[in-house]
């Protein structure tokens, strides 16, 4: 029996691929069969295309695009893929951004074995390395209208300039800080969350609603948060989170 593939869909090609490679190197088994695809546009464009024909399957939408690895995607059928994960930016500064649409997307893309599971980075993918020893990451926010300057800001402030060189212990710290921040954002608790809390109270939809209520609508900001760390904890389960807490 041929093993099914896990499909990872990213907004962009360069940075997202680097992030995936780092997480893959430190956390994933080399035996896993995965396919990585860059959509090459914002999540709002993906949603517009899917909604135009009563929610097309995301795999079919990908096949329509001139992807770099189109030959790898073209023969795939939904039955060949066991799970679909989508990683996109909030991108609130762009002309196509729509909070109502994003809420609908998070409701729709909420099951990896179904239509797919969506993870959002606020404000964008570079949030994964927006951590340093000076500022408390839990309190780090960003002004949405300044989105075009975010990458430069991160490069100026990060302690992890070169993602490809990040150590396992450093990546563990990044994952843990993002879990704590999600807990603080949603529940007002600065402590590391228990695994059941991550699963039941820190969903991507709950995080978005907290962003909307506490930051986006109130001050036109987002609380800086990466989607990759929470995916990692949800994917690998309670043992992975326990290992992070014990520094293993």
Foldseek 3Di string as FASTA:
>chain_A
DDAAEEEEEEQADPPVVLVVVLCCVQPNDPPHHYDYWHQPHAPLVLLVVLVVVPGDQSLVVSLVDPTPVNVVSVVDDLVSHQFYEYEGAQLLQDPSHDLVSVLVVQVVQCGGRPSHHYFYFVHTQLLLFQDDPPDQLLPDKFANNVVVCVVVVSCVRGPCNDSNPDDSLRSLVSLQSQQQSLCCLQPVGNDRDAQVCLVPPRGRSSSSVSQVVPPCVPPNMGRGHGRVSSCSDVVVHRVSVVCSVVSD
